[in-house]
Each structure stands twice: as C-alpha cells, then as structure tokens.
C-alpha cells in the first residue's frame, strides 16, 4: 500500500491565511494538505476529521506546530497516542518526529506531565462553570445527545484494546467513522487519566 505524507494547517480567525504554513508543509514533503479555520464561535474541524479518516498505517502527518494539531496538551497527547496505535508518524516541524522511537516516547512523557497539570485546571474551571450555570440558567443542560451510545463506544474500545483491531477495521465493522472513533477514544483516555489520578 502506498504510504502518504499529509499536511494539516489551521488558522484561528477568518482573517488569517494559510500561506506560510502551507509553504512550510510543502517544503517538508507533504503531498496533500488539509486546512481548517478555527474561530471562537466554532470548535468544528471538518477537514481534520476527514484527514483522520484517511490516515493509514505507515502514513506521515506533518504540522508546523503542535498547537495547529490540538487545542490543548491533553488533546495533543491523546491524538499522538492514537496515531502511534495506528502506526501513523507525526512530524511537528518545530519539535521533531513523534513516533515509537526513544525520542518520540520522551516527548510523550513530557506531554503527559503537562497534560495532568492542565487537566486539573480544566476540571476545576469546568466544575465552577457548570455550578454557576445550574444556579443561574434555568435552561441549562449538561452536554448534547450523542450519535453513538456509550455501549457502542465501549464495544469499539474493547475491539481495539482486547482484540487489537485497528481504527480502520473498527470503522468498517461498526460503521463508525474513524474521526468519531478518534474523538470518542480520546475522551475515554482522558477519563482513564482522571480516574487514575484520583486518590
């Protein structure tokens, strides 16, 4: 199977352009580049989701900086781990290659330390925000309906962790997009981190 080198570019406002990122990604060898505009009014990254569906074992993903790939340290750590599970190589131009090599594992270890600290801050702020909303907003409801149930995702997680099925295999078997699997598994990993850190 032909191994692909993808690039991903993201800007934070509608006024910014991708020119510099795209030039850097092309020089680094990216043959196909996906682009998203992420603003304060939306957290959707449709092109990133399409990219996650395309990535296969042996492919390489290049980003100019880690914050182009993820919104926070926990998100970055989870994405990196999931890519490693899929056999996808991640190249961050201002950091280096993150894979299963000793240097790649060292970077993941550093991420883990920062992610745990950041998780505590996020949990604290989220709880404070929800408490305020519940007390002051009569229309407040916690979360949005999910397309796939917890049982379906738990079954997919079992296929991955116990049956060692890849994301692509799970997607074909259950009809769940790889982007959704990445996202929901990322949430499960964060939940597991939270449980382990509790006294």
N, C-alpha and C. Protein backbone atom coordinates (compact mmCIF):
# COMPACT_ATOMS: atom_id res chain seq x y z
N UNK A 1 0.84 -1.21 0.00
CA UNK A 1 0.00 0.00 0.00
C UNK A 1 0.87 1.26 0.00
N UNK A 2 0.52 2.21 -0.83
CA UNK A 2 1.28 3.45 -0.93
C UNK A 2 1.17 4.25 0.36
N UNK A 3 2.30 4.63 0.91
CA UNK A 3 2.32 5.43 2.13
C UNK A 3 2.27 6.90 1.76
N UNK A 4 1.36 7.61 2.40
CA UNK A 4 1.11 9.01 2.07
C UNK A 4 1.76 9.93 3.11
N UNK A 5 2.10 11.14 2.66
CA UNK A 5 2.58 12.19 3.56
C UNK A 5 1.57 13.33 3.49
N UNK A 6 0.83 13.51 4.57
CA UNK A 6 -0.20 14.54 4.64
C UNK A 6 0.30 15.74 5.44
N UNK A 7 -0.29 16.88 5.15
CA UNK A 7 -0.04 18.07 5.95
C UNK A 7 -1.36 18.60 6.50
N UNK A 8 -1.30 19.25 7.65
CA UNK A 8 -2.51 19.86 8.21
C UNK A 8 -2.18 21.28 8.65
N UNK A 9 -2.99 22.24 8.17
CA UNK A 9 -2.81 23.65 8.51
C UNK A 9 -4.08 24.16 9.15
N UNK A 10 -3.93 25.01 10.15
CA UNK A 10 -5.10 25.59 10.81
C UNK A 10 -4.79 27.02 11.20
N UNK A 11 -5.77 27.90 11.00
CA UNK A 11 -5.65 29.29 11.45
C UNK A 11 -6.78 29.56 12.43
N UNK A 12 -6.59 30.57 13.28
CA UNK A 12 -7.51 30.81 14.39
C UNK A 12 -8.62 31.79 14.06
N UNK A 13 -8.47 32.58 13.02
CA UNK A 13 -9.51 33.55 12.67
C UNK A 13 -9.74 33.53 11.16
N UNK A 14 -10.90 34.02 10.77
CA UNK A 14 -11.25 34.06 9.35
C UNK A 14 -10.34 35.02 8.58
N UNK A 15 -9.71 35.97 9.27
CA UNK A 15 -8.86 36.95 8.60
C UNK A 15 -7.46 36.41 8.29
N UNK A 16 -7.05 35.36 9.00
CA UNK A 16 -5.72 34.82 8.77
C UNK A 16 -5.71 33.93 7.53
N UNK A 17 -4.52 33.75 6.94
CA UNK A 17 -4.42 32.82 5.81
C UNK A 17 -3.39 31.73 6.13
N UNK A 18 -3.38 30.73 5.26
CA UNK A 18 -2.56 29.54 5.49
C UNK A 18 -1.22 29.59 4.77
N UNK A 19 -0.94 30.67 4.06
CA UNK A 19 0.17 30.68 3.10
C UNK A 19 1.49 30.19 3.69
N UNK A 20 1.87 30.74 4.84
CA UNK A 20 3.16 30.37 5.43
C UNK A 20 3.17 28.91 5.85
N UNK A 21 2.09 28.47 6.51
CA UNK A 21 2.02 27.07 6.93
C UNK A 21 2.09 26.13 5.73
N UNK A 22 1.34 26.45 4.68
CA UNK A 22 1.30 25.58 3.51
C UNK A 22 2.67 25.50 2.84
N UNK A 23 3.36 26.64 2.74
CA UNK A 23 4.71 26.64 2.16
C UNK A 23 5.64 25.74 2.97
N UNK A 24 5.58 25.86 4.30
CA UNK A 24 6.43 25.05 5.17
C UNK A 24 6.10 23.56 5.04
N UNK A 25 4.81 23.24 4.96
CA UNK A 25 4.39 21.84 4.84
C UNK A 25 4.84 21.24 3.52
N UNK A 26 4.72 22.02 2.45
CA UNK A 26 5.15 21.52 1.14
C UNK A 26 6.65 21.29 1.11
N UNK A 27 7.41 22.22 1.69
CA UNK A 27 8.87 22.05 1.73
C UNK A 27 9.26 20.82 2.54
N UNK A 28 8.44 20.48 3.54
CA UNK A 28 8.72 19.32 4.39
C UNK A 28 8.31 18.01 3.72
N UNK A 29 7.62 18.10 2.57
CA UNK A 29 7.30 16.89 1.82
C UNK A 29 5.84 16.49 1.79
N UNK A 30 4.94 17.32 2.33
CA UNK A 30 3.52 16.98 2.32
C UNK A 30 2.98 17.02 0.89
N UNK A 31 2.33 15.93 0.48
CA UNK A 31 1.79 15.86 -0.87
C UNK A 31 0.31 16.25 -0.92
N UNK A 32 -0.39 16.16 0.20
CA UNK A 32 -1.78 16.58 0.27
C UNK A 32 -1.99 17.29 1.60
N UNK A 33 -2.59 18.48 1.55
CA UNK A 33 -2.73 19.32 2.74
C UNK A 33 -4.20 19.59 3.03
N UNK A 34 -4.58 19.39 4.26
CA UNK A 34 -5.93 19.70 4.73
C UNK A 34 -5.88 21.00 5.54
N UNK A 35 -6.93 21.82 5.43
CA UNK A 35 -6.92 23.14 6.06
C UNK A 35 -8.23 23.40 6.79
N UNK A 36 -8.13 23.99 7.99
CA UNK A 36 -9.31 24.38 8.76
C UNK A 36 -9.14 25.81 9.25
N UNK A 37 -10.27 26.51 9.37
CA UNK A 37 -10.30 27.80 10.06
C UNK A 37 -11.03 27.58 11.38
N UNK A 38 -10.35 27.82 12.48
CA UNK A 38 -10.93 27.62 13.82
C UNK A 38 -11.11 28.97 14.47
N UNK A 39 -12.35 29.31 14.78
CA UNK A 39 -12.62 30.61 15.39
C UNK A 39 -13.24 30.42 16.76
N UNK A 40 -13.44 31.51 17.46
CA UNK A 40 -14.03 31.44 18.78
C UNK A 40 -15.49 31.05 18.77
N UNK A 41 -16.13 31.08 17.59
CA UNK A 41 -17.55 30.75 17.50
C UNK A 41 -17.79 29.29 17.17
N UNK A 42 -16.75 28.57 16.77
CA UNK A 42 -16.94 27.15 16.46
C UNK A 42 -15.68 26.36 16.77
N UNK A 43 -15.89 25.15 17.29
CA UNK A 43 -14.77 24.26 17.58
C UNK A 43 -14.70 23.15 16.54
N UNK A 44 -15.55 23.22 15.51
CA UNK A 44 -15.58 22.17 14.50
C UNK A 44 -14.33 22.23 13.62
N UNK A 45 -13.79 21.06 13.29
CA UNK A 45 -12.65 20.97 12.40
C UNK A 45 -12.96 19.91 11.35
N UNK A 46 -13.83 20.24 10.39
CA UNK A 46 -14.29 19.23 9.42
C UNK A 46 -13.16 18.63 8.59
N UNK A 47 -12.18 19.45 8.18
CA UNK A 47 -11.09 18.93 7.37
C UNK A 47 -10.18 18.02 8.19
N UNK A 48 -10.01 18.34 9.48
CA UNK A 48 -9.22 17.48 10.36
C UNK A 48 -9.90 16.11 10.50
N UNK A 49 -11.23 16.12 10.62
CA UNK A 49 -11.97 14.86 10.71
C UNK A 49 -11.80 14.04 9.43
N UNK A 50 -11.84 14.70 8.27
CA UNK A 50 -11.62 13.99 7.00
C UNK A 50 -10.21 13.40 6.95
N UNK A 51 -9.25 14.16 7.46
CA UNK A 51 -7.87 13.69 7.48
C UNK A 51 -7.73 12.45 8.35
N UNK A 52 -8.36 12.47 9.54
CA UNK A 52 -8.28 11.32 10.43
C UNK A 52 -8.86 10.07 9.79
N UNK A 53 -9.89 10.24 8.96
CA UNK A 53 -10.48 9.10 8.27
C UNK A 53 -9.54 8.51 7.22
N UNK A 54 -8.66 9.34 6.67
CA UNK A 54 -7.79 8.89 5.59
C UNK A 54 -6.48 8.27 6.09
N UNK A 55 -6.03 8.67 7.26
CA UNK A 55 -4.73 8.20 7.75
C UNK A 55 -4.71 6.68 7.90
N UNK A 56 -3.65 6.07 7.40
CA UNK A 56 -3.47 4.62 7.47
C UNK A 56 -2.09 4.30 8.06
N UNK A 57 -1.92 3.05 8.43
CA UNK A 57 -0.64 2.58 8.96
C UNK A 57 0.49 2.90 7.98
N UNK A 58 1.55 3.53 8.49
CA UNK A 58 2.69 3.89 7.66
C UNK A 58 2.64 5.28 7.09
N UNK A 59 1.49 5.95 7.15
CA UNK A 59 1.38 7.33 6.68
C UNK A 59 2.10 8.29 7.63
N UNK A 60 2.40 9.45 7.12
CA UNK A 60 3.02 10.51 7.91
C UNK A 60 2.13 11.75 7.89
N UNK A 61 1.96 12.36 9.04
CA UNK A 61 1.23 13.63 9.14
C UNK A 61 2.20 14.70 9.60
N UNK A 62 2.22 15.83 8.89
CA UNK A 62 3.11 16.93 9.22
C UNK A 62 2.29 18.15 9.62
N UNK A 63 2.67 18.78 10.73
CA UNK A 63 2.12 20.07 11.13
C UNK A 63 3.28 21.00 11.45
N UNK A 64 3.07 22.30 11.32
CA UNK A 64 4.16 23.23 11.58
C UNK A 64 4.44 23.38 13.07
N UNK A 65 3.36 23.41 13.87
CA UNK A 65 3.48 23.50 15.33
C UNK A 65 2.43 22.61 15.95
N UNK A 66 2.66 22.21 17.19
CA UNK A 66 1.73 21.29 17.85
C UNK A 66 0.37 21.93 18.06
N UNK A 67 0.33 23.26 18.28
CA UNK A 67 -0.96 23.90 18.54
C UNK A 67 -1.82 23.99 17.28
N UNK A 68 -1.25 23.67 16.11
CA UNK A 68 -2.07 23.58 14.90
C UNK A 68 -2.88 22.28 14.91
N UNK A 69 -2.35 21.28 15.60
CA UNK A 69 -2.98 19.96 15.62
C UNK A 69 -4.02 19.83 16.72
N UNK A 70 -3.77 20.42 17.88
CA UNK A 70 -4.63 20.22 19.05
C UNK A 70 -4.87 21.53 19.77
N UNK A 71 -5.97 21.56 20.53
CA UNK A 71 -6.36 22.79 21.24
C UNK A 71 -5.71 22.90 22.61
N UNK A 72 -5.25 21.77 23.14
CA UNK A 72 -4.60 21.80 24.46
C UNK A 72 -3.68 20.60 24.58
N UNK A 73 -2.96 20.53 25.69
CA UNK A 73 -1.96 19.47 25.87
C UNK A 73 -2.58 18.10 25.93
N UNK A 74 -3.70 17.97 26.65
CA UNK A 74 -4.36 16.67 26.74
C UNK A 74 -4.81 16.17 25.38
N UNK A 75 -5.38 17.08 24.62
CA UNK A 75 -5.84 16.73 23.27
C UNK A 75 -4.66 16.28 22.42
N UNK A 76 -3.55 17.00 22.51
CA UNK A 76 -2.35 16.66 21.74
C UNK A 76 -1.83 15.28 22.14
N UNK A 77 -1.75 15.03 23.44
CA UNK A 77 -1.24 13.75 23.92
C UNK A 77 -2.11 12.60 23.44
N UNK A 78 -3.42 12.77 23.52
CA UNK A 78 -4.33 11.71 23.10
C UNK A 78 -4.22 11.45 21.60
N UNK A 79 -4.14 12.53 20.80
CA UNK A 79 -4.01 12.37 19.35
C UNK A 79 -2.71 11.65 19.01
N UNK A 80 -1.62 12.03 19.68
CA UNK A 80 -0.32 11.41 19.42
C UNK A 80 -0.38 9.91 19.74
N UNK A 81 -0.97 9.56 20.88
CA UNK A 81 -1.06 8.15 21.26
C UNK A 81 -1.89 7.35 20.27
N UNK A 82 -2.97 7.95 19.84
CA UNK A 82 -3.85 7.25 18.89
C UNK A 82 -3.16 7.07 17.54
N UNK A 83 -2.39 8.07 17.12
CA UNK A 83 -1.65 7.94 15.87
C UNK A 83 -0.59 6.85 15.98
N UNK A 84 0.07 6.78 17.15
CA UNK A 84 1.05 5.73 17.37
C UNK A 84 0.39 4.35 17.30
N UNK A 85 -0.81 4.24 17.88
CA UNK A 85 -1.55 2.97 17.84
C UNK A 85 -1.85 2.55 16.41
N UNK A 86 -2.10 3.55 15.54
CA UNK A 86 -2.45 3.28 14.15
C UNK A 86 -1.21 3.14 13.26
N UNK A 87 -0.02 3.36 13.84
CA UNK A 87 1.19 3.29 13.03
C UNK A 87 1.41 4.50 12.16
N UNK A 88 0.81 5.64 12.56
CA UNK A 88 0.97 6.89 11.83
C UNK A 88 2.11 7.70 12.46
N UNK A 89 3.00 8.21 11.63
CA UNK A 89 4.13 9.01 12.10
C UNK A 89 3.73 10.48 12.10
N UNK A 90 3.99 11.16 13.20
CA UNK A 90 3.68 12.59 13.31
C UNK A 90 4.98 13.38 13.30
N UNK A 91 5.06 14.35 12.40
CA UNK A 91 6.21 15.26 12.36
C UNK A 91 5.72 16.66 12.69
N UNK A 92 6.27 17.22 13.76
CA UNK A 92 5.98 18.60 14.15
C UNK A 92 7.24 19.40 13.83
N UNK A 93 7.14 20.33 12.91
CA UNK A 93 8.34 20.94 12.33
C UNK A 93 9.20 21.67 13.35
N UNK A 94 8.57 22.23 14.41
CA UNK A 94 9.40 22.95 15.40
C UNK A 94 9.76 22.08 16.60
N UNK A 95 9.41 20.78 16.55
CA UNK A 95 9.76 19.86 17.64
C UNK A 95 10.55 18.67 17.13
N UNK A 96 10.01 17.98 16.14
CA UNK A 96 10.67 16.79 15.61
C UNK A 96 9.64 15.71 15.31
N UNK A 97 10.13 14.50 15.11
CA UNK A 97 9.28 13.37 14.80
C UNK A 97 8.81 12.69 16.08
N UNK A 98 7.50 12.47 16.17
CA UNK A 98 6.93 11.81 17.35
C UNK A 98 6.39 10.47 16.90
N UNK A 99 7.08 9.41 17.34
CA UNK A 99 6.66 8.05 16.99
C UNK A 99 7.02 7.14 18.16
N UNK A 100 7.24 5.87 17.89
CA UNK A 100 7.57 4.92 18.96
C UNK A 100 9.07 4.80 19.22
N UNK A 101 9.84 5.74 18.68
CA UNK A 101 11.28 5.75 18.95
C UNK A 101 11.53 6.29 20.35
N UNK A 102 12.74 6.12 20.91
CA UNK A 102 13.05 6.66 22.24
C UNK A 102 12.77 8.16 22.37
N UNK A 103 13.15 8.93 21.35
CA UNK A 103 12.91 10.37 21.41
C UNK A 103 11.42 10.68 21.35
N UNK A 104 10.68 9.92 20.54
CA UNK A 104 9.23 10.11 20.47
C UNK A 104 8.55 9.80 21.78
N UNK A 105 8.99 8.72 22.44
CA UNK A 105 8.41 8.35 23.73
C UNK A 105 8.76 9.38 24.80
N UNK A 106 9.95 9.97 24.71
CA UNK A 106 10.33 11.02 25.67
C UNK A 106 9.41 12.22 25.54
N UNK A 107 9.11 12.61 24.31
CA UNK A 107 8.21 13.74 24.09
C UNK A 107 6.83 13.43 24.70
N UNK A 108 6.36 12.20 24.51
CA UNK A 108 5.06 11.81 25.07
C UNK A 108 5.07 11.86 26.59
N UNK A 109 6.20 11.49 27.20
CA UNK A 109 6.31 11.54 28.66
C UNK A 109 6.20 12.97 29.16
N UNK A 110 6.86 13.89 28.47
CA UNK A 110 6.78 15.30 28.84
C UNK A 110 5.35 15.80 28.67
N UNK A 111 4.72 15.42 27.56
CA UNK A 111 3.33 15.80 27.36
C UNK A 111 2.44 15.32 28.49
N UNK A 112 2.68 14.09 28.93
CA UNK A 112 1.84 13.50 29.99
C UNK A 112 1.89 14.34 31.26
N UNK A 113 3.08 14.80 31.61
CA UNK A 113 3.22 15.61 32.82
C UNK A 113 2.45 16.92 32.69
N UNK A 114 2.57 17.58 31.56
CA UNK A 114 1.85 18.82 31.35
C UNK A 114 0.34 18.59 31.26
N UNK A 115 -0.03 17.46 30.63
CA UNK A 115 -1.46 17.16 30.46
C UNK A 115 -2.14 16.96 31.81
N UNK A 116 -1.46 16.30 32.74
CA UNK A 116 -2.07 16.07 34.05
C UNK A 116 -2.29 17.39 34.79
N UNK A 117 -1.31 18.28 34.70
CA UNK A 117 -1.46 19.59 35.32
C UNK A 117 -2.59 20.38 34.67
N UNK A 118 -2.62 20.36 33.35
CA UNK A 118 -3.64 21.09 32.62
C UNK A 118 -5.03 20.50 32.89
N UNK A 119 -5.10 19.16 33.01
CA UNK A 119 -6.38 18.51 33.29
C UNK A 119 -6.98 19.02 34.59
N UNK A 120 -6.14 19.15 35.63
CA UNK A 120 -6.64 19.63 36.91
C UNK A 120 -7.22 21.04 36.79
N UNK A 121 -6.56 21.88 36.01
CA UNK A 121 -7.07 23.24 35.82
C UNK A 121 -8.40 23.24 35.08
N UNK A 122 -8.47 22.42 34.02
CA UNK A 122 -9.69 22.37 33.22
C UNK A 122 -10.85 21.82 34.03
N UNK A 123 -10.62 20.75 34.77
CA UNK A 123 -11.68 20.15 35.59
C UNK A 123 -12.23 21.16 36.59
N UNK A 124 -11.30 21.87 37.23
CA UNK A 124 -11.71 22.86 38.23
C UNK A 124 -12.55 23.97 37.60
N UNK A 125 -12.10 24.49 36.46
CA UNK A 125 -12.84 25.57 35.79
C UNK A 125 -14.19 25.08 35.26
N UNK A 126 -14.21 23.86 34.73
CA UNK A 126 -15.45 23.30 34.21
C UNK A 126 -16.48 23.13 35.31
N UNK A 127 -16.06 22.59 36.44
CA UNK A 127 -16.97 22.39 37.56
C UNK A 127 -17.52 23.71 38.07
N UNK A 128 -16.66 24.72 38.15
CA UNK A 128 -17.11 26.03 38.58
C UNK A 128 -18.12 26.61 37.60
N UNK A 129 -17.84 26.46 36.30
CA UNK A 129 -18.75 26.98 35.27
C UNK A 129 -20.10 26.28 35.28
N UNK A 130 -20.10 24.96 35.43
CA UNK A 130 -21.36 24.21 35.47
C UNK A 130 -22.17 24.58 36.72
N UNK A 131 -21.48 24.72 37.84
CA UNK A 131 -22.18 25.07 39.08
C UNK A 131 -22.85 26.43 38.94
N UNK A 132 -22.16 27.38 38.31
CA UNK A 132 -22.74 28.71 38.11
C UNK A 132 -23.93 28.61 37.16
N UNK A 133 -23.78 27.85 36.04
CA UNK A 133 -24.86 27.74 35.05
C UNK A 133 -26.10 27.08 35.64
N UNK A 134 -25.91 26.02 36.42
CA UNK A 134 -27.04 25.33 37.04
C UNK A 134 -27.79 26.26 38.00
N UNK A 135 -27.04 27.13 38.68
CA UNK A 135 -27.65 28.02 39.67
C UNK A 135 -28.32 29.22 39.02
N UNK A 136 -27.86 29.62 37.82
CA UNK A 136 -28.32 30.87 37.24
C UNK A 136 -29.06 30.74 35.91
N UNK A 137 -28.98 29.56 35.29
CA UNK A 137 -29.61 29.38 33.98
C UNK A 137 -30.63 28.24 34.06
N UNK A 138 -31.93 28.55 34.04
CA UNK A 138 -32.96 27.51 34.15
C UNK A 138 -33.00 26.57 32.94
N UNK A 139 -32.42 26.99 31.82
CA UNK A 139 -32.43 26.17 30.61
C UNK A 139 -31.16 25.34 30.45
N UNK A 140 -30.32 25.36 31.46
CA UNK A 140 -29.03 24.65 31.37
C UNK A 140 -29.24 23.14 31.30
N UNK A 141 -28.52 22.49 30.37
CA UNK A 141 -28.47 21.02 30.38
C UNK A 141 -27.04 20.62 30.08
N UNK A 142 -26.61 19.56 30.70
CA UNK A 142 -25.22 19.15 30.65
C UNK A 142 -24.96 18.27 29.43
N UNK A 143 -24.29 18.82 28.42
CA UNK A 143 -23.91 18.04 27.26
C UNK A 143 -24.98 17.98 26.19
N UNK A 144 -24.62 17.35 25.06
CA UNK A 144 -25.53 17.20 23.92
C UNK A 144 -25.71 15.71 23.62
N UNK A 145 -26.83 15.37 22.98
CA UNK A 145 -27.05 13.97 22.64
C UNK A 145 -25.94 13.45 21.74
N UNK A 146 -25.56 12.21 21.94
CA UNK A 146 -24.51 11.59 21.15
C UNK A 146 -25.12 10.69 20.08
N UNK A 147 -24.48 10.64 18.92
CA UNK A 147 -24.95 9.79 17.84
C UNK A 147 -24.78 8.33 18.19
N UNK A 148 -23.70 8.01 18.91
CA UNK A 148 -23.43 6.63 19.31
C UNK A 148 -23.47 6.53 20.83
N UNK A 149 -24.07 5.45 21.31
CA UNK A 149 -24.23 5.28 22.75
C UNK A 149 -22.91 4.90 23.41
N UNK A 150 -22.90 5.01 24.72
CA UNK A 150 -21.73 4.61 25.50
C UNK A 150 -21.43 3.12 25.28
N UNK A 151 -22.48 2.31 25.18
CA UNK A 151 -22.30 0.87 24.99
C UNK A 151 -21.62 0.58 23.65
N UNK A 152 -22.01 1.34 22.60
CA UNK A 152 -21.41 1.14 21.29
C UNK A 152 -19.92 1.51 21.31
N UNK A 153 -19.62 2.62 21.96
CA UNK A 153 -18.22 3.06 22.03
C UNK A 153 -17.41 2.13 22.91
N UNK A 154 -18.01 1.65 24.01
CA UNK A 154 -17.31 0.69 24.87
C UNK A 154 -16.98 -0.59 24.10
N UNK A 155 -17.93 -1.02 23.25
CA UNK A 155 -17.69 -2.21 22.44
C UNK A 155 -16.55 -1.97 21.45
N UNK A 156 -16.55 -0.78 20.84
CA UNK A 156 -15.47 -0.43 19.91
C UNK A 156 -14.13 -0.39 20.64
N UNK A 157 -14.13 0.15 21.85
CA UNK A 157 -12.91 0.23 22.67
C UNK A 157 -12.40 -1.17 22.99
N UNK A 158 -13.34 -2.10 23.30
CA UNK A 158 -12.97 -3.49 23.58
C UNK A 158 -12.33 -4.14 22.36
N UNK A 159 -12.91 -3.88 21.19
CA UNK A 159 -12.34 -4.42 19.96
C UNK A 159 -10.91 -3.92 19.75
N UNK A 160 -10.68 -2.68 20.13
CA UNK A 160 -9.35 -2.08 19.93
C UNK A 160 -8.35 -2.59 20.96
N UNK A 161 -8.75 -2.60 22.24
CA UNK A 161 -7.79 -2.91 23.31
C UNK A 161 -7.63 -4.40 23.55
N UNK A 162 -8.70 -5.18 23.34
CA UNK A 162 -8.62 -6.61 23.62
C UNK A 162 -8.43 -7.46 22.36
N UNK A 163 -9.10 -7.07 21.29
CA UNK A 163 -8.98 -7.82 20.04
C UNK A 163 -7.92 -7.24 19.11
N UNK A 164 -7.34 -6.10 19.53
CA UNK A 164 -6.24 -5.46 18.79
C UNK A 164 -6.63 -5.09 17.36
N UNK A 165 -7.89 -4.68 17.20
CA UNK A 165 -8.34 -4.21 15.89
C UNK A 165 -7.93 -2.77 15.69
N UNK A 166 -7.56 -2.42 14.48
CA UNK A 166 -7.16 -1.05 14.17
C UNK A 166 -8.40 -0.16 14.06
N UNK A 167 -8.19 1.14 14.04
CA UNK A 167 -9.30 2.08 13.89
C UNK A 167 -10.02 1.84 12.56
N UNK A 168 -9.24 1.55 11.52
CA UNK A 168 -9.83 1.30 10.20
C UNK A 168 -10.72 0.06 10.23
N UNK A 169 -10.26 -1.00 10.89
CA UNK A 169 -11.04 -2.23 10.98
C UNK A 169 -12.32 -2.02 11.78
N UNK A 170 -12.21 -1.27 12.89
CA UNK A 170 -13.39 -0.98 13.71
C UNK A 170 -14.39 -0.16 12.91
N UNK A 171 -13.90 0.81 12.17
CA UNK A 171 -14.77 1.67 11.37
C UNK A 171 -15.56 0.84 10.36
N UNK A 172 -14.88 -0.10 9.69
CA UNK A 172 -15.55 -0.94 8.70
C UNK A 172 -16.54 -1.89 9.36
N UNK A 173 -16.18 -2.42 10.52
CA UNK A 173 -17.04 -3.40 11.19
C UNK A 173 -18.29 -2.77 11.78
N UNK A 174 -18.15 -1.58 12.40
CA UNK A 174 -19.26 -0.97 13.12
C UNK A 174 -19.93 0.18 12.37
N UNK A 175 -19.33 0.64 11.28
CA UNK A 175 -19.92 1.74 10.54
C UNK A 175 -19.76 3.09 11.22
N UNK A 176 -18.77 3.19 12.11
CA UNK A 176 -18.48 4.45 12.80
C UNK A 176 -17.27 5.07 12.11
N UNK A 177 -17.34 6.35 11.78
CA UNK A 177 -16.22 6.98 11.09
C UNK A 177 -14.98 6.98 11.97
N UNK A 178 -13.82 6.95 11.32
CA UNK A 178 -12.57 6.97 12.09
C UNK A 178 -12.45 8.25 12.90
N UNK A 179 -12.95 9.36 12.36
CA UNK A 179 -12.89 10.63 13.09
C UNK A 179 -13.65 10.54 14.40
N UNK A 180 -14.83 9.91 14.36
CA UNK A 180 -15.62 9.73 15.59
C UNK A 180 -14.91 8.80 16.56
N UNK A 181 -14.31 7.73 16.03
CA UNK A 181 -13.57 6.81 16.89
C UNK A 181 -12.42 7.53 17.57
N UNK A 182 -11.66 8.32 16.81
CA UNK A 182 -10.57 9.09 17.39
C UNK A 182 -11.08 9.97 18.52
N UNK A 183 -12.17 10.69 18.24
CA UNK A 183 -12.69 11.66 19.21
C UNK A 183 -13.20 10.97 20.48
N UNK A 184 -14.01 9.91 20.31
CA UNK A 184 -14.58 9.24 21.47
C UNK A 184 -13.53 8.46 22.27
N UNK A 185 -12.56 7.86 21.59
CA UNK A 185 -11.48 7.17 22.29
C UNK A 185 -10.61 8.18 23.04
N UNK A 186 -10.46 9.37 22.46
CA UNK A 186 -9.69 10.43 23.13
C UNK A 186 -10.37 10.79 24.45
N UNK A 187 -11.70 10.86 24.41
CA UNK A 187 -12.44 11.16 25.64
C UNK A 187 -12.28 10.04 26.66
N UNK A 188 -12.30 8.78 26.20
CA UNK A 188 -12.11 7.65 27.11
C UNK A 188 -10.72 7.68 27.75
N UNK A 189 -9.71 8.01 26.96
CA UNK A 189 -8.36 8.08 27.52
C UNK A 189 -8.27 9.15 28.59
N UNK A 190 -8.89 10.31 28.33
CA UNK A 190 -8.87 11.39 29.31
C UNK A 190 -9.61 10.97 30.57
N UNK A 191 -10.74 10.26 30.42
CA UNK A 191 -11.48 9.76 31.57
C UNK A 191 -10.63 8.79 32.38
N UNK A 192 -9.87 7.95 31.70
CA UNK A 192 -8.99 6.99 32.38
C UNK A 192 -7.89 7.71 33.15
N UNK A 193 -7.36 8.79 32.55
CA UNK A 193 -6.35 9.60 33.25
C UNK A 193 -6.94 10.19 34.52
N UNK A 194 -8.17 10.69 34.40
CA UNK A 194 -8.85 11.29 35.56
C UNK A 194 -9.02 10.26 36.67
N UNK A 195 -9.44 9.04 36.30
CA UNK A 195 -9.66 8.00 37.31
C UNK A 195 -8.38 7.61 38.02
N UNK A 196 -7.28 7.47 37.24
CA UNK A 196 -6.01 7.07 37.82
C UNK A 196 -5.45 8.13 38.77
N UNK A 197 -5.78 9.41 38.50
CA UNK A 197 -5.20 10.49 39.30
C UNK A 197 -5.98 10.74 40.58
N UNK A 198 -7.17 10.10 40.70
CA UNK A 198 -7.94 10.30 41.91
C UNK A 198 -7.34 9.53 43.06
N UNK A 199 -7.36 10.12 44.29
CA UNK A 199 -6.78 9.41 45.45
C UNK A 199 -7.59 8.17 45.82
